[in-house]
C-alpha atoms as a PDB file:
ATOM      1  CA  MET A   1     -26.838  12.102 -14.453  1.00  0.00           C
ATOM      2  CA  ASP A   2     -23.580  13.985 -13.848  1.00  0.00           C
ATOM      3  CA  ARG A   3     -20.219  12.750 -15.120  1.00  0.00           C
ATOM      4  CA  LYS A   4     -19.049  11.338 -11.777  1.00  0.00           C
ATOM      5  CA  THR A   5     -22.305   9.474 -11.156  1.00  0.00           C
ATOM      6  CA  ASN A   6     -22.308   8.149 -14.715  1.00  0.00           C
ATOM      7  CA  THR A   7     -18.745   6.879 -14.335  1.00  0.00           C
ATOM      8  CA  ILE A   8     -19.575   5.119 -11.074  1.00  0.00           C
ATOM      9  CA  TYR A   9     -22.676   3.614 -12.682  1.00  0.00           C
ATOM     10  CA  LYS A  10     -20.682   2.249 -15.629  1.00  0.00           C
ATOM     11  CA  GLN A  11     -18.025   0.822 -13.354  1.00  0.00           C
ATOM     12  CA  SER A  12     -20.674  -0.837 -11.193  1.00  0.00           C
ATOM     13  CA  ILE A  13     -22.277  -2.449 -14.257  1.00  0.00           C
ATOM     14  CA  ILE A  14     -18.878  -3.751 -15.391  1.00  0.00           C
ATOM     15  CA  LEU A  15     -18.118  -5.162 -11.946  1.00  0.00           C
ATOM     16  CA  ILE A  16     -21.524  -6.831 -11.696  1.00  0.00           C
ATOM     17  CA  GLY A  17     -21.141  -8.252 -15.192  1.00  0.00           C
ATOM     18  CA  LEU A  18     -17.661  -9.544 -14.416  1.00  0.00           C
ATOM     19  CA  THR A  19     -18.868 -11.133 -11.166  1.00  0.00           C
ATOM     20  CA  LEU A  20     -21.827 -12.811 -12.857  1.00  0.00           C
ATOM     21  CA  SER A  21     -19.652 -14.018 -15.719  1.00  0.00           C
ATOM     22  CA  MET A  22     -17.073 -15.491 -13.370  1.00  0.00           C
ATOM     23  CA  SER A  23     -19.820 -17.147 -11.301  1.00  0.00           C
ATOM     24  CA  SER A  24     -21.407 -18.711 -14.392  1.00  0.00           C
ATOM     25  CA  ILE A  25     -18.151 -20.322 -15.511  1.00  0.00           C
ATOM     26  CA  ALA A  26     -17.023 -21.521 -12.081  1.00  0.00           C
ATOM     27  CA  ASP A  27     -16.739 -25.096 -13.394  1.00  0.00           C
ATOM     28  CA  SER A  28     -14.058 -27.743 -13.266  1.00  0.00           C
ATOM     29  CA  SER A  29     -12.059 -26.213 -16.118  1.00  0.00           C
ATOM     30  CA  LEU A  30     -11.771 -22.898 -14.288  1.00  0.00           C
ATOM     31  CA  ASN A  31     -10.797 -24.626 -11.070  1.00  0.00           C
ATOM     32  CA  MET A  32      -8.159 -26.600 -12.924  1.00  0.00           C
ATOM     33  CA  SER A  33      -6.815 -23.410 -14.493  1.00  0.00           C
ATOM     34  CA  ILE A  34      -6.506 -21.814 -11.066  1.00  0.00           C
ATOM     35  CA  ASN A  35      -5.126 -24.813  -9.225  1.00  0.00           C
ATOM     36  CA  LYS A  36      -2.433 -25.679 -11.744  1.00  0.00           C
ATOM     37  CA  HIS A  37      -0.609 -22.454 -10.855  1.00  0.00           C
ATOM     38  CA  GLN A  38      -0.791 -22.936  -7.094  1.00  0.00           C
ATOM     39  CA  ASN A  39       2.742 -24.213  -6.574  1.00  0.00           C
ATOM     40  CA  THR A  40       4.194 -21.470  -8.762  1.00  0.00           C
ATOM     41  CA  PHE A  41       2.591 -18.568  -6.946  1.00  0.00           C
ATOM     42  CA  GLU A  42       3.015 -20.099  -3.509  1.00  0.00           C
ATOM     43  CA  GLY A  43       6.724 -20.131  -4.342  1.00  0.00           C
ATOM     44  CA  VAL A  44       6.554 -16.495  -5.447  1.00  0.00           C
ATOM     45  CA  ALA A  45       4.905 -15.518  -2.163  1.00  0.00           C
ATOM     46  CA  LEU A  46       7.524 -17.315  -0.077  1.00  0.00           C
ATOM     47  CA  LYS A  47      10.384 -15.682  -1.965  1.00  0.00           C
ATOM     48  CA  ILE A  48       8.880 -12.212  -1.463  1.00  0.00           C
ATOM     49  CA  TRP A  49       8.426 -13.125   2.221  1.00  0.00           C
ATOM     50  CA  ASP A  50      12.083 -14.054   2.558  1.00  0.00           C
ATOM     51  CA  TRP A  51      13.314 -10.901   0.800  1.00  0.00           C
ATOM     52  CA  ALA A  52      11.059  -8.566   2.826  1.00  0.00           C
ATOM     53  CA  GLU A  53      11.978  -5.432   0.867  1.00  0.00           C
ATOM     54  CA  VAL A  54      10.678  -2.094   2.177  1.00  0.00           C
ATOM     55  CA  GLY A  55       8.918   0.551   0.094  1.00  0.00           C
ATOM     56  CA  TYR A  56      10.622   1.732  -3.107  1.00  0.00           C
ATOM     57  CA  GLN A  57      13.339  -0.883  -2.560  1.00  0.00           C
ATOM     58  CA  GLU A  58      11.350  -3.942  -3.701  1.00  0.00           C
ATOM     59  CA  TYR A  59      13.682  -4.627  -6.634  1.00  0.00           C
ATOM     60  CA  LYS A  60      13.792  -8.424  -6.404  1.00  0.00           C
ATOM     61  CA  SER A  61      10.107  -8.751  -5.553  1.00  0.00           C
ATOM     62  CA  SER A  62       9.079  -6.525  -8.465  1.00  0.00           C
ATOM     63  CA  GLU A  63      11.338  -8.336 -10.929  1.00  0.00           C
ATOM     64  CA  LEU A  64      10.023 -11.727  -9.818  1.00  0.00           C
ATOM     65  CA  LEU A  65       6.390 -10.732 -10.357  1.00  0.00           C
ATOM     66  CA  GLN A  66       7.243  -9.205 -13.728  1.00  0.00           C
ATOM     67  CA  SER A  67       9.047 -12.326 -14.908  1.00  0.00           C
ATOM     68  CA  GLU A  68       6.205 -14.628 -13.863  1.00  0.00           C
ATOM     69  CA  LEU A  69       3.564 -12.501 -15.574  1.00  0.00           C
ATOM     70  CA  ALA A  70       5.690 -12.152 -18.709  1.00  0.00           C
ATOM     71  CA  ALA A  71       6.048 -15.937 -18.788  1.00  0.00           C
ATOM     72  CA  HIS A  72       2.233 -16.172 -18.881  1.00  0.00           C
ATOM     73  CA  GLY A  73       1.848 -13.862 -21.860  1.00  0.00           C
ATOM     74  CA  PHE A  74       1.523 -10.441 -20.240  1.00  0.00           C
ATOM     75  CA  LYS A  75       3.092  -7.353 -21.779  1.00  0.00           C
ATOM     76  CA  ILE A  76       5.301  -5.660 -19.170  1.00  0.00           C
ATOM     77  CA  THR A  77       5.818  -1.907 -18.849  1.00  0.00           C
ATOM     78  CA  LYS A  78       8.616  -1.143 -16.398  1.00  0.00           C
ATOM     79  CA  ASN A  79       9.448   1.933 -14.313  1.00  0.00           C
ATOM     80  CA  VAL A  80       5.989   3.461 -14.654  1.00  0.00           C
ATOM     81  CA  ALA A  81       5.484   6.879 -13.025  1.00  0.00           C
ATOM     82  CA  ASN A  82       9.315   7.055 -12.916  1.00  0.00           C
ATOM     83  CA  ILE A  83       9.333   4.563 -10.033  1.00  0.00           C
ATOM     84  CA  PRO A  84      11.910   1.775 -10.541  1.00  0.00           C
ATOM     85  CA  THR A  85       9.864  -0.854  -8.691  1.00  0.00           C
ATOM     86  CA  ALA A  86       6.466   0.057 -10.198  1.00  0.00           C
ATOM     87  CA  PHE A  87       5.188  -1.714 -13.306  1.00  0.00           C
ATOM     88  CA  ILE A  88       2.157  -2.690 -15.355  1.00  0.00           C
ATOM     89  CA  ALA A  89       1.517  -6.151 -16.786  1.00  0.00           C
ATOM     90  CA  GLU A  90      -1.311  -6.364 -19.315  1.00  0.00           C
ATOM     91  CA  PHE A  91      -3.091  -8.873 -21.490  1.00  0.00           C
ATOM     92  CA  SER A  92      -5.633  -7.464 -23.915  1.00  0.00           C
ATOM     93  CA  ASN A  93      -7.897  -8.678 -26.686  1.00  0.00           C
ATOM     94  CA  GLY A  94     -10.116  -5.602 -26.566  1.00  0.00           C
ATOM     95  CA  GLY A  95     -13.112  -4.930 -24.358  1.00  0.00           C
ATOM     96  CA  PRO A  96     -13.289  -3.300 -20.912  1.00  0.00           C
ATOM     97  CA  ILE A  97     -10.114  -2.794 -18.898  1.00  0.00           C
ATOM     98  CA  ILE A  98     -10.137  -4.466 -15.492  1.00  0.00           C
ATOM     99  CA  GLY A  99      -7.267  -3.619 -13.170  1.00  0.00           C
ATOM    100  CA  ILE A 100      -5.939  -5.746 -10.321  1.00  0.00           C
ATOM    101  CA  LEU A 101      -3.694  -4.141  -7.709  1.00  0.00           C
ATOM    102  CA  GLY A 102      -0.670  -5.955  -6.351  1.00  0.00           C
ATOM    103  CA  GLU A 103       1.497  -4.864  -3.411  1.00  0.00           C
ATOM    104  CA  TYR A 104       4.780  -6.403  -2.279  1.00  0.00           C
ATOM    105  CA  ASP A 105       6.493  -4.047   0.177  1.00  0.00           C
ATOM    106  CA  ALA A 106       7.430  -4.963   3.742  1.00  0.00           C
ATOM    107  CA  LEU A 107       7.534  -2.968   6.977  1.00  0.00           C
ATOM    108  CA  PRO A 108      10.748  -1.858   8.705  1.00  0.00           C
ATOM    109  CA  GLY A 109      11.679  -2.914  12.220  1.00  0.00           C
ATOM    110  CA  LEU A 110      10.267  -6.452  12.157  1.00  0.00           C
ATOM    111  CA  MET A 111      12.064  -9.727  12.819  1.00  0.00           C
ATOM    112  CA  GLN A 112      10.463 -11.748   9.995  1.00  0.00           C
ATOM    113  CA  THR A 113       9.905 -15.060  11.760  1.00  0.00           C
ATOM    114  CA  SER A 114       6.897 -17.306  11.088  1.00  0.00           C
ATOM    115  CA  SER A 115       6.048 -17.525  14.780  1.00  0.00           C
ATOM    116  CA  PRO A 116       3.227 -16.093  16.917  1.00  0.00           C
ATOM    117  CA  PHE A 117       5.797 -15.044  19.517  1.00  0.00           C
ATOM    118  CA  LYS A 118       8.190 -12.111  19.521  1.00  0.00           C
ATOM    119  CA  GLU A 119      11.557 -13.397  18.383  1.00  0.00           C
ATOM    120  CA  GLU A 120      14.841 -12.102  17.045  1.00  0.00           C
ATOM    121  CA  LYS A 121      16.417 -13.187  13.780  1.00  0.00           C
ATOM    122  CA  ASP A 122      19.971 -12.349  12.801  1.00  0.00           C
ATOM    123  CA  GLY A 123      20.159  -9.869   9.941  1.00  0.00           C
ATOM    124  CA  ALA A 124      16.403  -9.214   9.808  1.00  0.00           C
ATOM    125  CA  THR A 125      15.468  -5.524   9.693  1.00  0.00           C
ATOM    126  CA  SER A 126      12.075  -5.714   7.970  1.00  0.00           C
ATOM    127  CA  GLY A 127       9.173  -8.097   7.587  1.00  0.00           C
ATOM    128  CA  HIS A 128       5.758  -8.756   6.030  1.00  0.00           C
ATOM    129  CA  ALA A 129       3.457  -8.039   8.969  1.00  0.00           C
ATOM    130  CA  CYS A 130       0.610  -7.089   6.592  1.00  0.00           C
ATOM    131  CA  GLY A 131       0.924 -10.058   4.257  1.00  0.00           C
ATOM    132  CA  HIS A 132       1.957  -8.157   1.147  1.00  0.00           C
ATOM    133  CA  HIS A 133       4.007 -11.166   0.042  1.00  0.00           C
ATOM    134  CA  MET A 134       0.644 -12.889  -0.478  1.00  0.00           C
ATOM    135  CA  PHE A 135      -0.972  -9.737  -1.846  1.00  0.00           C
ATOM    136  CA  GLY A 136       1.356  -9.410  -4.824  1.00  0.00           C
ATOM    137  CA  ALA A 137       1.574 -13.135  -5.547  1.00  0.00           C
ATOM    138  CA  ALA A 138      -2.166 -13.842  -5.312  1.00  0.00           C
ATOM    139  CA  SER A 139      -3.097 -10.800  -7.393  1.00  0.00           C
ATOM    140  CA  ALA A 140      -0.705 -11.972 -10.109  1.00  0.00           C
ATOM    141  CA  TRP A 141      -2.191 -15.479  -9.811  1.00  0.00           C
ATOM    142  CA  ALA A 142      -5.708 -14.039 -10.260  1.00  0.00           C
ATOM    143  CA  ALA A 143      -4.594 -12.025 -13.294  1.00  0.00           C
ATOM    144  CA  VAL A 144      -3.201 -15.173 -14.921  1.00  0.00           C
ATOM    145  CA  ALA A 145      -6.398 -17.138 -14.211  1.00  0.00           C
ATOM    146  CA  VAL A 146      -8.601 -14.402 -15.709  1.00  0.00           C
ATOM    147  CA  LYS A 147      -6.304 -14.107 -18.743  1.00  0.00           C
ATOM    148  CA  GLU A 148      -6.573 -17.837 -19.393  1.00  0.00           C
ATOM    149  CA  TRP A 149     -10.366 -17.674 -19.122  1.00  0.00           C
ATOM    150  CA  LEU A 150     -10.491 -14.756 -21.589  1.00  0.00           C
ATOM    151  CA  VAL A 151      -8.487 -16.783 -24.086  1.00  0.00           C
ATOM    152  CA  ARG A 152     -10.392 -20.017 -23.532  1.00  0.00           C
ATOM    153  CA  SER A 153     -13.845 -18.410 -23.682  1.00  0.00           C
ATOM    154  CA  LYS A 154     -12.897 -15.983 -26.482  1.00  0.00           C
ATOM    155  CA  THR A 155     -14.273 -13.137 -24.393  1.00  0.00           C
ATOM    156  CA  LYS A 156     -13.241  -9.584 -25.181  1.00  0.00           C
ATOM    157  CA  GLY A 157     -11.492  -7.960 -22.268  1.00  0.00           C
ATOM    158  CA  THR A 158      -8.278  -6.542 -20.879  1.00  0.00           C
ATOM    159  CA  ILE A 159      -6.765  -7.643 -17.598  1.00  0.00           C
ATOM    160  CA  ARG A 160      -4.158  -5.253 -16.229  1.00  0.00           C
ATOM    161  CA  PHE A 161      -1.983  -5.987 -13.199  1.00  0.00           C
ATOM    162  CA  TYR A 162      -0.676  -2.883 -11.444  1.00  0.00           C
ATOM    163  CA  GLY A 163       2.555  -3.483  -9.556  1.00  0.00           C
ATOM    164  CA  THR A 164       2.183  -0.863  -6.825  1.00  0.00           C
ATOM    165  CA  PRO A 165       5.191  -0.296  -4.545  1.00  0.00           C
ATOM    166  CA  ALA A 166       5.481   1.478  -1.211  1.00  0.00           C
ATOM    167  CA  GLU A 167       1.964   1.082   0.151  1.00  0.00           C
ATOM    168  CA  GLU A 168       3.317   1.257   3.694  1.00  0.00           C
ATOM    169  CA  GLY A 169       3.571   5.024   4.010  1.00  0.00           C
ATOM    170  CA  GLY A 170       5.172   5.674   0.638  1.00  0.00           C
ATOM    171  CA  SER A 171       2.033   6.540  -1.373  1.00  0.00           C
ATOM    172  CA  GLY A 172       3.188   4.615  -4.442  1.00  0.00           C
ATOM    173  CA  LYS A 173      -0.317   4.503  -5.941  1.00  0.00           C
ATOM    174  CA  VAL A 174      -0.699   8.276  -5.595  1.00  0.00           C
ATOM    175  CA  TYR A 175       2.178   8.901  -7.995  1.00  0.00           C
ATOM    176  CA  MET A 176       0.832   6.275 -10.377  1.00  0.00           C
ATOM    177  CA  VAL A 177      -2.581   7.972 -10.415  1.00  0.00           C
ATOM    178  CA  ARG A 178      -0.961  11.354 -10.991  1.00  0.00           C
ATOM    179  CA  ALA A 179       0.928   9.867 -13.948  1.00  0.00           C
ATOM    180  CA  GLY A 180      -2.422   8.994 -15.557  1.00  0.00           C
ATOM    181  CA  LEU A 181      -1.954   5.230 -15.353  1.00  0.00           C
ATOM    182  CA  PHE A 182      -5.563   4.654 -14.254  1.00  0.00           C
ATOM    183  CA  ASP A 183      -7.229   7.118 -16.638  1.00  0.00           C
ATOM    184  CA  ASP A 184      -8.502   4.488 -19.081  1.00  0.00           C
ATOM    185  CA  VAL A 185      -9.338   1.715 -16.633  1.00  0.00           C
ATOM    186  CA  ASP A 186     -12.998   0.739 -16.224  1.00  0.00           C
ATOM    187  CA  ALA A 187     -12.784  -0.924 -12.819  1.00  0.00           C
ATOM    188  CA  VAL A 188     -10.051  -1.820 -10.341  1.00  0.00           C
ATOM    189  CA  LEU A 189     -10.138  -4.800  -7.991  1.00  0.00           C
ATOM    190  CA  HIS A 190      -8.267  -4.772  -4.705  1.00  0.00           C
ATOM    191  CA  TRP A 191      -8.000  -7.192  -1.810  1.00  0.00           C
ATOM    192  CA  HIS A 192      -5.962  -7.744   1.319  1.00  0.00           C
ATOM    193  CA  PRO A 193      -4.911 -10.819   3.308  1.00  0.00           C
ATOM    194  CA  SER A 194      -7.187 -11.398   6.275  1.00  0.00           C
ATOM    195  CA  SER A 195      -8.435 -14.086   8.624  1.00  0.00           C
ATOM    196  CA  SER A 196     -11.585 -14.618   6.542  1.00  0.00           C
ATOM    197  CA  ASN A 197     -12.715 -14.492   2.907  1.00  0.00           C
ATOM    198  CA  ALA A 198     -15.241 -11.886   1.803  1.00  0.00           C
ATOM    199  CA  ALA A 199     -16.138  -9.724  -1.182  1.00  0.00           C
ATOM    200  CA  ASN A 200     -17.172  -6.210  -0.191  1.00  0.00           C
ATOM    201  CA  ALA A 201     -17.708  -2.878  -1.891  1.00  0.00           C
ATOM    202  CA  GLU A 202     -16.080  -0.641   0.689  1.00  0.00           C
ATOM    203  CA  SER A 203     -13.650   2.242   0.918  1.00  0.00           C
ATOM    204  CA  SER A 204     -10.414   2.726   2.795  1.00  0.00           C
ATOM    205  CA  ASN A 205      -9.443   5.675   4.952  1.00  0.00           C
ATOM    206  CA  SER A 206      -8.002   8.773   3.337  1.00  0.00           C
ATOM    207  CA  ASN A 207      -4.491   9.291   4.632  1.00  0.00           C
ATOM    208  CA  LYS A 208      -2.257  12.344   4.858  1.00  0.00           C
ATOM    209  CA  SER A 209       1.189  12.223   6.392  1.00  0.00           C
ATOM    210  CA  ALA A 210       3.755  14.825   7.390  1.00  0.00           C
ATOM    211  CA  LYS A 211       6.988  15.121   9.321  1.00  0.00           C
ATOM    212  CA  PHE A 212       7.351  18.054  11.731  1.00  0.00           C
ATOM    213  CA  LYS A 213      10.916  19.128  12.454  1.00  0.00           C
ATOM    214  CA  PHE A 214      11.905  21.263  15.452  1.00  0.00           C
ATOM    215  CA  SER A 215      15.189  23.113  15.917  1.00  0.00           C
ATOM    216  CA  GLY A 216      16.799  24.140  19.193  1.00  0.00           C
ATOM    217  CA  ILE A 217      20.166  24.879  20.762  1.00  0.00           C
ATOM    218  CA  SER A 218      22.433  22.094  21.921  1.00  0.00           C
ATOM    219  CA  ALA A 219      24.095  22.192  25.345  1.00  0.00           C
ATOM    220  CA  HIS A 220      25.366  19.815  28.009  1.00  0.00           C
ATOM    221  CA  ALA A 221      22.314  18.719  29.971  1.00  0.00           C
ATOM    222  CA  ALA A 222      24.230  18.575  33.281  1.00  0.00           C
ATOM    223  CA  GLY A 223      27.006  21.162  32.901  1.00  0.00           C
ATOM    224  CA  SER A 224      25.092  24.022  31.275  1.00  0.00           C
ATOM    225  CA  PRO A 225      21.447  23.110  30.671  1.00  0.00           C
ATOM    226  CA  HIS A 226      20.391  26.749  30.931  1.00  0.00           C
ATOM    227  CA  LYS A 227      22.242  27.445  27.689  1.00  0.00           C
ATOM    228  CA  GLY A 228      20.250  24.890  25.727  1.00  0.00           C
ATOM    229  CA  ARG A 229      16.876  24.949  24.048  1.00  0.00           C
ATOM    230  CA  SER A 230      15.520  21.430  23.580  1.00  0.00           C
ATOM    231  CA  ALA A 231      14.022  20.636  20.203  1.00  0.00           C
ATOM    232  CA  LEU A 232      12.561  17.509  21.806  1.00  0.00           C
ATOM    233  CA  ASP A 233      10.505  19.705  24.137  1.00  0.00           C
ATOM    234  CA  GLY A 234       8.838  21.123  21.034  1.00  0.00           C
ATOM    235  CA  VAL A 235       7.968  17.641  19.768  1.00  0.00           C
ATOM    236  CA  GLU A 236       6.605  16.560  23.150  1.00  0.00           C
ATOM    237  CA  ALA A 237       4.557  19.730  23.528  1.00  0.00           C
ATOM    238  CA  MET A 238       3.062  19.224  20.080  1.00  0.00           C
ATOM    239  CA  ASN A 239       2.185  15.600  20.784  1.00  0.00           C
ATOM    240  CA  MET A 240       0.535  16.539  24.080  1.00  0.00           C
ATOM    241  CA  MET A 241      -1.630  19.215  22.437  1.00  0.00           C
ATOM    242  CA  VAL A 242      -2.599  16.879  19.583  1.00  0.00           C
ATOM    243  CA  ASN A 243      -3.692  14.255  22.098  1.00  0.00           C
ATOM    244  CA  MET A 244      -5.846  16.870  23.824  1.00  0.00           C
ATOM    245  CA  MET A 245      -7.320  17.773  20.424  1.00  0.00           C
ATOM    246  CA  ARG A 246      -8.601  14.214  19.898  1.00  0.00           C
ATOM    247  CA  GLU A 247     -11.744  15.048  21.893  1.00  0.00           C
ATOM    248  CA  HIS A 248     -12.741  17.645  19.311  1.00  0.00           C
ATOM    249  CA  ILE A 249     -12.295  15.839  15.988  1.00  0.00           C
ATOM    250  CA  PRO A 250     -14.787  13.437  14.301  1.00  0.00           C
ATOM    251  CA  GLN A 251     -14.709  10.134  16.161  1.00  0.00           C
ATOM    252  CA  GLU A 252     -13.933   8.212  12.946  1.00  0.00           C
ATOM    253  CA  SER A 253     -10.738  10.216  12.482  1.00  0.00           C
ATOM    254  CA  ARG A 254      -7.401   8.646  13.281  1.00  0.00           C
ATOM    255  CA  ILE A 255      -4.254  10.524  14.290  1.00  0.00           C
ATOM    256  CA  HIS A 256      -1.092   8.628  15.124  1.00  0.00           C
ATOM    257  CA  TYR A 257       2.576   9.484  15.281  1.00  0.00           C
ATOM    258  CA  VAL A 258       6.081   8.284  16.031  1.00  0.00           C
ATOM    259  CA  ILE A 259       9.105  10.307  17.134  1.00  0.00           C
ATOM    260  CA  THR A 260      11.711   9.773  14.405  1.00  0.00           C
ATOM    261  CA  LYS A 261      14.420  11.984  15.912  1.00  0.00           C
ATOM    262  CA  GLY A 262      14.777  12.792  19.588  1.00  0.00           C
ATOM    263  CA  GLY A 263      18.473  13.171  20.276  1.00  0.00           C
ATOM    264  CA  LEU A 264      21.300  10.672  20.672  1.00  0.00           C
ATOM    265  CA  ALA A 265      22.311  10.896  24.345  1.00  0.00           C
ATOM    266  CA  PRO A 266      20.393  11.948  27.487  1.00  0.00           C
ATOM    267  CA  ASN A 267      23.185  14.262  28.631  1.00  0.00           C
ATOM    268  CA  VAL A 268      22.982  16.385  25.479  1.00  0.00           C
ATOM    269  CA  VAL A 269      20.150  18.837  24.929  1.00  0.00           C
ATOM    270  CA  PRO A 270      18.938  17.896  21.414  1.00  0.00           C
ATOM    271  CA  ASP A 271      19.053  20.677  18.860  1.00  0.00           C
ATOM    272  CA  VAL A 272      17.032  18.709  16.286  1.00  0.00           C
ATOM    273  CA  ALA A 273      13.882  16.638  16.822  1.00  0.00           C
ATOM    274  CA  GLU A 274      11.244  15.276  14.482  1.00  0.00           C
ATOM    275  CA  VAL A 275       7.846  13.625  14.711  1.00  0.00           C
ATOM    276  CA  TYR A 276       6.055  11.729  11.920  1.00  0.00           C
ATOM    277  CA  TYR A 277       2.231  11.970  11.758  1.00  0.00           C
ATOM    278  CA  TYR A 278      -0.574  10.168   9.921  1.00  0.00           C
ATOM    279  CA  VAL A 279      -4.081  11.639   9.757  1.00  0.00           C
ATOM    280  CA  ARG A 280      -6.875   9.397   8.470  1.00  0.00           C
ATOM    281  CA  HIS A 281     -10.613   9.493   7.839  1.00  0.00           C
ATOM    282  CA  SER A 282     -12.964   7.599   5.524  1.00  0.00           C
ATOM    283  CA  ILE A 283     -14.420  10.848   4.144  1.00  0.00           C
ATOM    284  CA  ILE A 284     -11.900  13.114   2.455  1.00  0.00           C
ATOM    285  CA  GLU A 285     -13.506  16.364   3.652  1.00  0.00           C
ATOM    286  CA  ARG A 286     -13.364  15.243   7.288  1.00  0.00           C
ATOM    287  CA  TYR A 287      -9.723  14.297   7.149  1.00  0.00           C
ATOM    288  CA  ILE A 288      -8.940  17.620   5.476  1.00  0.00           C
ATOM    289  CA  CYS A 289     -10.481  19.348   8.513  1.00  0.00           C
ATOM    290  CA  ALA A 290      -8.187  17.365  10.801  1.00  0.00           C
ATOM    291  CA  ASN A 291      -5.264  18.247   8.549  1.00  0.00           C
ATOM    292  CA  PHE A 292      -6.060  21.940   8.867  1.00  0.00           C
ATOM    293  CA  ASP A 293      -6.105  21.612  12.635  1.00  0.00           C
ATOM    294  CA  LEU A 294      -2.604  20.116  12.381  1.00  0.00           C
ATOM    295  CA  HIS A 295      -1.526  22.503   9.603  1.00  0.00           C
ATOM    296  CA  ILE A 296      -0.419  19.677   7.315  1.00  0.00           C
ATOM    297  CA  PRO A 297       0.031  21.132   3.801  1.00  0.00           C
ATOM    298  CA  MET A 298      -2.425  19.727   1.256  1.00  0.00           C
END
């Protein structure tokens, strides 16, 4: 058995053991332990919802989660991976290390109203369209419940909450992995708000992003258009060719983009334009192939 297979095998055994253990003690005392914190973490979720802080700017959301976990006996390590809004909260009495991921960043350009209809809200520039206000709060809630069970049952184990910022395009977890923060963990649990409850062993898509910047020559689009060279033409030509390329990439691949710079006025030939791309696939080798087609640096 090679090292990778052996590691996966050990992690699977730990996860199965943890699941069976939790199932066997799903009694009234565990339910009481969980339910007594409901009001607290519902309040945490609503505060994070109201703040709606975008990636790497989740200062209040991060501090709130840290303070709640510290109040429940977790040791807090701030500014991990040199990221001000990233942190680790840990309770340990030995045994295997189980990690729980928590996200709390919002998305830009949303109105942040609790309505199924498109609305405008004064002063709102970002919102929690993906439910990360619940993600961070519920993960912290779960960590507290497991910690209390470890203490009550005198079971050896370490529960570690990872405060992971900037999931929405900022790759916060990537920098945390590179900093070695997951090197000693035995298993990591992750979830996401959805319309139904389920427990699945599944993977997410690999994701590589890049911004492509084009330069041109500015000119008046009516008075002397022949003197200009439109950078926006370069962006549009690239997007058109990428869309034609979709026929020839694996069907599970995903390529999507948004024009982030395209000029400021129609009567000025833009000398700078930029397009922002994501390339995704569930299998890393396949998405690398798509990256090479787009010449995104690895």
